[in-house]
C-alpha atoms as a PDB file:
ATOM      1  CA  MET A   1       3.532 -21.451 -58.380  1.00  0.00           C
ATOM      2  CA  LYS A   2       5.672 -22.973 -55.634  1.00  0.00           C
ATOM      3  CA  LYS A   3       6.423 -26.886 -56.042  1.00  0.00           C
ATOM      4  CA  ASP A   4       4.595 -29.003 -53.707  1.00  0.00           C
ATOM      5  CA  ASN A   5       7.353 -30.752 -52.019  1.00  0.00           C
ATOM      6  CA  LYS A   6       4.782 -32.443 -49.715  1.00  0.00           C
ATOM      7  CA  LEU A   7       3.096 -34.122 -52.811  1.00  0.00           C
ATOM      8  CA  ILE A   8       6.454 -35.269 -54.401  1.00  0.00           C
ATOM      9  CA  LEU A   9       7.096 -36.763 -51.015  1.00  0.00           C
ATOM     10  CA  ASN A  10       4.105 -38.808 -51.104  1.00  0.00           C
ATOM     11  CA  ASN A  11       4.556 -40.066 -54.662  1.00  0.00           C
ATOM     12  CA  ILE A  12       7.780 -41.643 -53.007  1.00  0.00           C
ATOM     13  CA  LYS A  13       6.309 -42.805 -50.592  1.00  0.00           C
ATOM     14  CA  SER A  14       3.856 -44.673 -52.535  1.00  0.00           C
ATOM     15  CA  HIS A  15       6.249 -45.686 -55.166  1.00  0.00           C
ATOM     16  CA  TYR A  16       8.179 -47.369 -52.574  1.00  0.00           C
ATOM     17  CA  ASN A  17       4.705 -49.030 -50.881  1.00  0.00           C
ATOM     18  CA  PHE A  18       5.696 -47.698 -47.590  1.00  0.00           C
ATOM     19  CA  LYS A  19       2.811 -47.864 -45.027  1.00  0.00           C
ATOM     20  CA  SER A  20       3.701 -45.182 -42.879  1.00  0.00           C
ATOM     21  CA  ASP A  21       5.858 -41.907 -42.373  1.00  0.00           C
ATOM     22  CA  ALA A  22       7.856 -43.735 -39.878  1.00  0.00           C
ATOM     23  CA  GLU A  23       8.885 -46.166 -42.417  1.00  0.00           C
ATOM     24  CA  PHE A  24       9.683 -43.965 -45.011  1.00  0.00           C
ATOM     25  CA  ALA A  25      11.596 -42.120 -42.419  1.00  0.00           C
ATOM     26  CA  ARG A  26      13.740 -45.225 -41.333  1.00  0.00           C
ATOM     27  CA  PHE A  27      14.265 -46.196 -44.930  1.00  0.00           C
ATOM     28  CA  LEU A  28      16.195 -42.492 -45.753  1.00  0.00           C
ATOM     29  CA  GLY A  29      18.007 -43.090 -42.466  1.00  0.00           C
ATOM     30  CA  ILE A  30      16.194 -39.741 -40.558  1.00  0.00           C
ATOM     31  CA  ALA A  31      14.273 -39.137 -37.895  1.00  0.00           C
ATOM     32  CA  PRO A  32      10.578 -38.919 -37.788  1.00  0.00           C
ATOM     33  CA  ASN A  33      10.066 -35.466 -36.780  1.00  0.00           C
ATOM     34  CA  THR A  34      12.721 -34.479 -39.513  1.00  0.00           C
ATOM     35  CA  LEU A  35      10.678 -36.189 -42.069  1.00  0.00           C
ATOM     36  CA  SER A  36       7.491 -34.597 -40.496  1.00  0.00           C
ATOM     37  CA  ASN A  37       9.131 -31.016 -40.426  1.00  0.00           C
ATOM     38  CA  TRP A  38      10.276 -31.482 -44.383  1.00  0.00           C
ATOM     39  CA  TYR A  39       6.282 -31.776 -44.535  1.00  0.00           C
ATOM     40  CA  SER A  40       5.300 -28.596 -42.632  1.00  0.00           C
ATOM     41  CA  ARG A  41       8.222 -26.816 -44.291  1.00  0.00           C
ATOM     42  CA  ASN A  42       7.680 -27.809 -48.012  1.00  0.00           C
ATOM     43  CA  THR A  43      11.218 -28.848 -48.217  1.00  0.00           C
ATOM     44  CA  MET A  44      13.377 -31.901 -48.245  1.00  0.00           C
ATOM     45  CA  ASP A  45      17.355 -33.114 -48.331  1.00  0.00           C
ATOM     46  CA  TYR A  46      17.557 -33.557 -52.521  1.00  0.00           C
ATOM     47  CA  GLU A  47      20.799 -35.086 -52.043  1.00  0.00           C
ATOM     48  CA  LEU A  48      20.061 -37.668 -49.694  1.00  0.00           C
ATOM     49  CA  ILE A  49      16.839 -38.650 -51.420  1.00  0.00           C
ATOM     50  CA  ILE A  50      18.688 -38.928 -55.039  1.00  0.00           C
ATOM     51  CA  THR A  51      21.197 -41.102 -53.164  1.00  0.00           C
ATOM     52  CA  LYS A  52      18.755 -43.518 -51.528  1.00  0.00           C
ATOM     53  CA  CYS A  53      16.317 -43.706 -54.575  1.00  0.00           C
ATOM     54  CA  GLU A  54      18.451 -43.904 -57.298  1.00  0.00           C
ATOM     55  CA  GLU A  55      15.685 -44.645 -59.847  1.00  0.00           C
ATOM     56  CA  LEU A  56      14.264 -41.641 -59.281  1.00  0.00           C
ATOM     57  CA  ASN A  57      14.425 -38.622 -62.186  1.00  0.00           C
ATOM     58  CA  ALA A  58      16.516 -35.594 -60.334  1.00  0.00           C
ATOM     59  CA  ASN A  59      14.904 -32.924 -62.701  1.00  0.00           C
ATOM     60  CA  TRP A  60      11.238 -34.018 -61.283  1.00  0.00           C
ATOM     61  CA  LEU A  61      12.587 -34.293 -57.790  1.00  0.00           C
ATOM     62  CA  LEU A  62      13.857 -30.511 -58.200  1.00  0.00           C
ATOM     63  CA  THR A  63      10.880 -29.075 -60.264  1.00  0.00           C
ATOM     64  CA  GLY A  64       8.142 -31.342 -59.880  1.00  0.00           C
ATOM     65  CA  LYS A  65       7.994 -32.069 -63.892  1.00  0.00           C
ATOM     66  CA  GLY A  66       8.451 -34.324 -66.111  1.00  0.00           C
ATOM     67  CA  ASP A  67       8.629 -38.288 -65.295  1.00  0.00           C
ATOM     68  CA  MET A  68       9.236 -39.267 -61.612  1.00  0.00           C
ATOM     69  CA  LEU A  69      11.432 -42.190 -62.812  1.00  0.00           C
ATOM     70  CA  LEU A  70      14.348 -42.343 -64.957  1.00  0.00           C
ATOM     71  CA  ALA A  71      13.758 -43.566 -68.563  1.00  0.00           C
ATOM     72  CA  HIS A  72      15.483 -46.833 -68.315  1.00  0.00           C
ATOM     73  CA  ASN A  73      13.011 -47.616 -65.059  1.00  0.00           C
ATOM     74  CA  ALA A  74       9.997 -46.668 -66.931  1.00  0.00           C
ATOM     75  CA  MET A  75      10.486 -48.857 -69.887  1.00  0.00           C
ATOM     76  CA  ILE A  76       8.071 -51.365 -68.153  1.00  0.00           C
ATOM     77  CA  LEU A  77       5.095 -49.117 -68.078  1.00  0.00           C
ATOM     78  CA  ASN A  78       5.048 -49.011 -72.023  1.00  0.00           C
ATOM     79  CA  GLU A  79       5.519 -52.452 -72.286  1.00  0.00           C
ATOM     80  CA  PRO A  80       2.189 -54.283 -73.820  1.00  0.00           C
ATOM     81  CA  GLU A  81       0.348 -56.085 -71.421  1.00  0.00           C
ATOM     82  CA  SER A  82      -0.852 -59.797 -71.516  1.00  0.00           C
ATOM     83  CA  GLU A  83      -4.838 -59.720 -71.578  1.00  0.00           C
ATOM     84  CA  TYR A  84      -4.511 -61.484 -68.034  1.00  0.00           C
ATOM     85  CA  VAL A  85      -2.584 -58.870 -66.340  1.00  0.00           C
ATOM     86  CA  ARG A  86      -4.550 -56.130 -68.061  1.00  0.00           C
ATOM     87  CA  GLN A  87      -7.662 -57.711 -66.266  1.00  0.00           C
ATOM     88  CA  LYS A  88      -5.723 -58.642 -63.009  1.00  0.00           C
ATOM     89  CA  PRO A  89      -7.870 -57.703 -60.209  1.00  0.00           C
ATOM     90  CA  LYS A  90      -6.989 -55.568 -57.091  1.00  0.00           C
ATOM     91  CA  HIS A  91      -4.462 -57.159 -54.848  1.00  0.00           C
ATOM     92  CA  PHE A  92      -2.784 -59.350 -57.435  1.00  0.00           C
ATOM     93  CA  ILE A  93       0.829 -60.211 -57.094  1.00  0.00           C
ATOM     94  CA  PRO A  94       2.742 -61.598 -59.721  1.00  0.00           C
ATOM     95  CA  LEU A  95       4.742 -64.895 -60.038  1.00  0.00           C
ATOM     96  CA  ILE A  96       8.054 -64.119 -61.607  1.00  0.00           C
ATOM     97  CA  PRO A  97      11.253 -66.559 -62.147  1.00  0.00           C
ATOM     98  CA  ILE A  98      13.547 -65.986 -59.202  1.00  0.00           C
ATOM     99  CA  GLU A  99      16.357 -65.094 -61.977  1.00  0.00           C
ATOM    100  CA  ALA A 100      14.114 -62.383 -62.788  1.00  0.00           C
ATOM    101  CA  MET A 101      14.155 -60.605 -59.403  1.00  0.00           C
ATOM    102  CA  ALA A 102      16.830 -58.249 -59.761  1.00  0.00           C
ATOM    103  CA  GLY A 103      15.242 -56.150 -62.736  1.00  0.00           C
ATOM    104  CA  TYR A 104      11.311 -57.000 -62.283  1.00  0.00           C
ATOM    105  CA  GLY A 105       9.464 -53.603 -62.249  1.00  0.00           C
ATOM    106  CA  ASN A 106      12.524 -51.214 -63.047  1.00  0.00           C
ATOM    107  CA  GLY A 107      12.574 -52.219 -66.757  1.00  0.00           C
ATOM    108  CA  GLU A 108      15.927 -54.306 -66.876  1.00  0.00           C
ATOM    109  CA  THR A 109      14.549 -57.357 -66.331  1.00  0.00           C
ATOM    110  CA  GLN A 110      13.874 -59.796 -69.396  1.00  0.00           C
ATOM    111  CA  VAL A 111      10.408 -60.973 -68.239  1.00  0.00           C
ATOM    112  CA  ASN A 112       7.935 -58.042 -68.837  1.00  0.00           C
ATOM    113  CA  GLU A 113       4.102 -57.627 -67.949  1.00  0.00           C
ATOM    114  CA  ALA A 114       3.396 -59.304 -71.340  1.00  0.00           C
ATOM    115  CA  ASP A 115       5.101 -62.929 -69.859  1.00  0.00           C
ATOM    116  CA  ILE A 116       3.433 -62.794 -66.737  1.00  0.00           C
ATOM    117  CA  THR A 117       0.675 -65.238 -66.924  1.00  0.00           C
ATOM    118  CA  GLU A 118       0.359 -66.476 -63.222  1.00  0.00           C
ATOM    119  CA  GLY A 119      -0.343 -64.515 -60.117  1.00  0.00           C
ATOM    120  CA  TYR A 120      -2.151 -64.757 -56.697  1.00  0.00           C
ATOM    121  CA  VAL A 121      -4.766 -62.335 -55.275  1.00  0.00           C
ATOM    122  CA  ILE A 122      -3.382 -62.001 -51.657  1.00  0.00           C
ATOM    123  CA  PRO A 123      -4.750 -58.702 -49.731  1.00  0.00           C
ATOM    124  CA  ASP A 124      -2.691 -59.276 -46.698  1.00  0.00           C
ATOM    125  CA  PHE A 125       0.871 -59.414 -48.804  1.00  0.00           C
ATOM    126  CA  ASP A 126      -0.196 -56.322 -50.796  1.00  0.00           C
ATOM    127  CA  GLU A 127      -0.996 -54.567 -47.895  1.00  0.00           C
ATOM    128  CA  LYS A 128       2.473 -55.311 -46.647  1.00  0.00           C
ATOM    129  CA  GLY A 129       4.067 -54.320 -49.788  1.00  0.00           C
ATOM    130  CA  VAL A 130       5.142 -57.414 -51.393  1.00  0.00           C
ATOM    131  CA  ARG A 131       5.542 -56.828 -55.444  1.00  0.00           C
ATOM    132  CA  TYR A 132       6.233 -60.306 -56.695  1.00  0.00           C
ATOM    133  CA  LEU A 133       6.182 -63.839 -55.621  1.00  0.00           C
ATOM    134  CA  ILE A 134       8.952 -66.271 -56.463  1.00  0.00           C
ATOM    135  CA  ARG A 135       9.172 -69.977 -56.529  1.00  0.00           C
ATOM    136  CA  VAL A 136      11.500 -71.932 -53.673  1.00  0.00           C
ATOM    137  CA  SER A 137      13.845 -74.448 -55.740  1.00  0.00           C
ATOM    138  CA  GLY A 138      16.127 -76.925 -53.796  1.00  0.00           C
ATOM    139  CA  SER A 139      16.413 -77.692 -49.962  1.00  0.00           C
ATOM    140  CA  SER A 140      18.732 -75.395 -48.411  1.00  0.00           C
ATOM    141  CA  MET A 141      16.092 -73.422 -46.418  1.00  0.00           C
ATOM    142  CA  TYR A 142      13.930 -76.595 -45.532  1.00  0.00           C
ATOM    143  CA  PRO A 143      11.950 -77.325 -43.157  1.00  0.00           C
ATOM    144  CA  LYS A 144      11.577 -73.264 -43.207  1.00  0.00           C
ATOM    145  CA  TYR A 145      10.953 -73.250 -47.175  1.00  0.00           C
ATOM    146  CA  SER A 146      10.225 -76.399 -48.905  1.00  0.00           C
ATOM    147  CA  ASN A 147      11.170 -77.077 -52.610  1.00  0.00           C
ATOM    148  CA  GLY A 148       7.816 -75.591 -54.795  1.00  0.00           C
ATOM    149  CA  ASP A 149       6.801 -72.936 -52.330  1.00  0.00           C
ATOM    150  CA  LEU A 150       5.759 -69.424 -53.231  1.00  0.00           C
ATOM    151  CA  LEU A 151       7.673 -66.659 -51.422  1.00  0.00           C
ATOM    152  CA  GLY A 152       6.007 -63.387 -50.865  1.00  0.00           C
ATOM    153  CA  CYS A 153       8.727 -60.593 -51.486  1.00  0.00           C
ATOM    154  CA  LYS A 154       9.054 -56.842 -50.926  1.00  0.00           C
ATOM    155  CA  PRO A 155      11.960 -55.065 -52.257  1.00  0.00           C
ATOM    156  CA  ILE A 156      14.655 -53.341 -50.215  1.00  0.00           C
ATOM    157  CA  THR A 157      16.996 -51.070 -51.399  1.00  0.00           C
ATOM    158  CA  ASP A 158      18.909 -49.782 -48.577  1.00  0.00           C
ATOM    159  CA  LEU A 159      21.744 -52.302 -48.127  1.00  0.00           C
ATOM    160  CA  SER A 160      22.731 -50.710 -44.784  1.00  0.00           C
ATOM    161  CA  PHE A 161      19.782 -51.767 -43.239  1.00  0.00           C
ATOM    162  CA  PHE A 162      18.728 -55.525 -42.650  1.00  0.00           C
ATOM    163  CA  GLN A 163      16.708 -57.237 -39.946  1.00  0.00           C
ATOM    164  CA  TRP A 164      19.098 -59.614 -38.421  1.00  0.00           C
ATOM    165  CA  GLY A 165      17.699 -62.913 -38.406  1.00  0.00           C
ATOM    166  CA  LYS A 166      14.970 -62.305 -41.273  1.00  0.00           C
ATOM    167  CA  CYS A 167      14.820 -64.214 -44.402  1.00  0.00           C
ATOM    168  CA  TYR A 168      15.861 -62.555 -47.484  1.00  0.00           C
ATOM    169  CA  VAL A 169      16.174 -63.068 -51.344  1.00  0.00           C
ATOM    170  CA  LEU A 170      19.641 -61.731 -52.359  1.00  0.00           C
ATOM    171  CA  ASP A 171      20.430 -61.173 -55.815  1.00  0.00           C
ATOM    172  CA  THR A 172      24.425 -61.733 -56.054  1.00  0.00           C
ATOM    173  CA  ASP A 173      26.843 -61.838 -58.706  1.00  0.00           C
ATOM    174  CA  GLN A 174      26.662 -65.838 -57.659  1.00  0.00           C
ATOM    175  CA  GLY A 175      23.315 -65.686 -58.455  1.00  0.00           C
ATOM    176  CA  PRO A 176      20.179 -65.769 -56.682  1.00  0.00           C
ATOM    177  CA  LEU A 177      19.880 -66.958 -52.850  1.00  0.00           C
ATOM    178  CA  VAL A 178      17.372 -67.679 -50.349  1.00  0.00           C
ATOM    179  CA  LYS A 179      18.886 -67.085 -46.872  1.00  0.00           C
ATOM    180  CA  ARG A 180      18.565 -66.088 -43.224  1.00  0.00           C
ATOM    181  CA  ILE A 181      20.743 -63.082 -42.743  1.00  0.00           C
ATOM    182  CA  PHE A 182      22.823 -61.994 -40.153  1.00  0.00           C
ATOM    183  CA  GLU A 183      25.356 -59.471 -39.014  1.00  0.00           C
ATOM    184  CA  ALA A 184      28.896 -60.174 -39.725  1.00  0.00           C
ATOM    185  CA  PRO A 185      32.277 -58.973 -37.545  1.00  0.00           C
ATOM    186  CA  GLU A 186      33.231 -57.052 -40.768  1.00  0.00           C
ATOM    187  CA  PRO A 187      30.730 -53.895 -41.564  1.00  0.00           C
ATOM    188  CA  ASP A 188      31.104 -54.609 -45.292  1.00  0.00           C
ATOM    189  CA  MET A 189      30.063 -58.285 -45.321  1.00  0.00           C
ATOM    190  CA  LEU A 190      27.064 -60.375 -44.418  1.00  0.00           C
ATOM    191  CA  LEU A 191      26.394 -63.841 -42.645  1.00  0.00           C
ATOM    192  CA  CYS A 192      24.424 -65.891 -44.738  1.00  0.00           C
ATOM    193  CA  VAL A 193      22.524 -68.791 -43.143  1.00  0.00           C
ATOM    194  CA  SER A 194      20.725 -71.866 -44.322  1.00  0.00           C
ATOM    195  CA  GLU A 195      18.119 -73.746 -42.333  1.00  0.00           C
ATOM    196  CA  ASN A 196      19.648 -76.932 -43.776  1.00  0.00           C
ATOM    197  CA  ASN A 197      22.851 -76.128 -41.942  1.00  0.00           C
ATOM    198  CA  GLU A 198      24.256 -79.409 -42.004  1.00  0.00           C
ATOM    199  CA  ARG A 199      24.504 -79.785 -46.124  1.00  0.00           C
ATOM    200  CA  TYR A 200      24.425 -76.027 -46.588  1.00  0.00           C
ATOM    201  CA  PRO A 201      27.190 -74.675 -44.393  1.00  0.00           C
ATOM    202  CA  SER A 202      26.834 -71.139 -43.293  1.00  0.00           C
ATOM    203  CA  PHE A 203      28.889 -68.189 -45.287  1.00  0.00           C
ATOM    204  CA  LYS A 204      29.670 -64.793 -45.497  1.00  0.00           C
ATOM    205  CA  ILE A 205      28.918 -62.535 -48.697  1.00  0.00           C
ATOM    206  CA  HIS A 206      30.333 -59.113 -49.445  1.00  0.00           C
ATOM    207  CA  LYS A 207      27.643 -56.358 -49.762  1.00  0.00           C
ATOM    208  CA  LYS A 208      28.980 -54.890 -53.190  1.00  0.00           C
ATOM    209  CA  SER A 209      28.363 -58.678 -54.276  1.00  0.00           C
ATOM    210  CA  ILE A 210      24.538 -58.103 -54.046  1.00  0.00           C
ATOM    211  CA  TYR A 211      22.812 -56.629 -56.593  1.00  0.00           C
ATOM    212  CA  ARG A 212      19.158 -56.590 -55.160  1.00  0.00           C
ATOM    213  CA  THR A 213      17.633 -57.894 -52.470  1.00  0.00           C
ATOM    214  CA  ALA A 214      13.832 -58.395 -50.993  1.00  0.00           C
ATOM    215  CA  ILE A 215      12.745 -59.274 -47.465  1.00  0.00           C
ATOM    216  CA  ILE A 216      10.691 -62.399 -47.540  1.00  0.00           C
ATOM    217  CA  VAL A 217       7.000 -61.160 -46.084  1.00  0.00           C
ATOM    218  CA  GLY A 218       5.314 -64.474 -46.247  1.00  0.00           C
ATOM    219  CA  VAL A 219       4.754 -68.029 -47.750  1.00  0.00           C
ATOM    220  CA  LEU A 220       2.360 -70.040 -49.596  1.00  0.00           C
ATOM    221  CA  ARG A 221       2.829 -73.735 -49.176  1.00  0.00           C
ATOM    222  CA  LEU A 222       0.903 -76.061 -51.872  1.00  0.00           C
ATOM    223  CA  GLU A 223      -0.270 -78.974 -50.872  1.00  0.00           C
END
């Protein structure tokens, strides 16, 4: 039986929480009509997808058989769940420590499902691709974000595409950062800007120093 590439593409789209084919195409770096042709012709650019989606199992991508994710990324699925997470309602978004954002959801984090006992039901966040919440610590982004605010984070895997001027959470070799990101003159660098710029001057960071990143979709402020 011929492999259903359309189903495979839809599974990838669902896994990354893309809400439209246009968003999916933008992530892959292709034109929307190219993606449309893949669907209609039951084909795809395997090398491009495996490059953009490193956590995918190449054998599954080529044959449609086996697990979609590589073994180390699927480990979290086998972790025992806490009673809170097991009974979590629809649109539940977990609150995790900022230090865990680099590996959350791919089996590499020290925080697994059994350790998550706090979260919030936020349909608007869930529908926009928010995978987890983190709590702000410090005042570098004040007044945009205050100490204790909860940030809704949507993971980003393509470091070649940033929305300049938007706020991101970056996991770097110097630790986690919450900054507004701008284009730097050097192609391999990013300009990180704090809202509280008088006390926290802007600085540049090399893209190779960034392990994981997430765009901040929204904020919860607790009085």
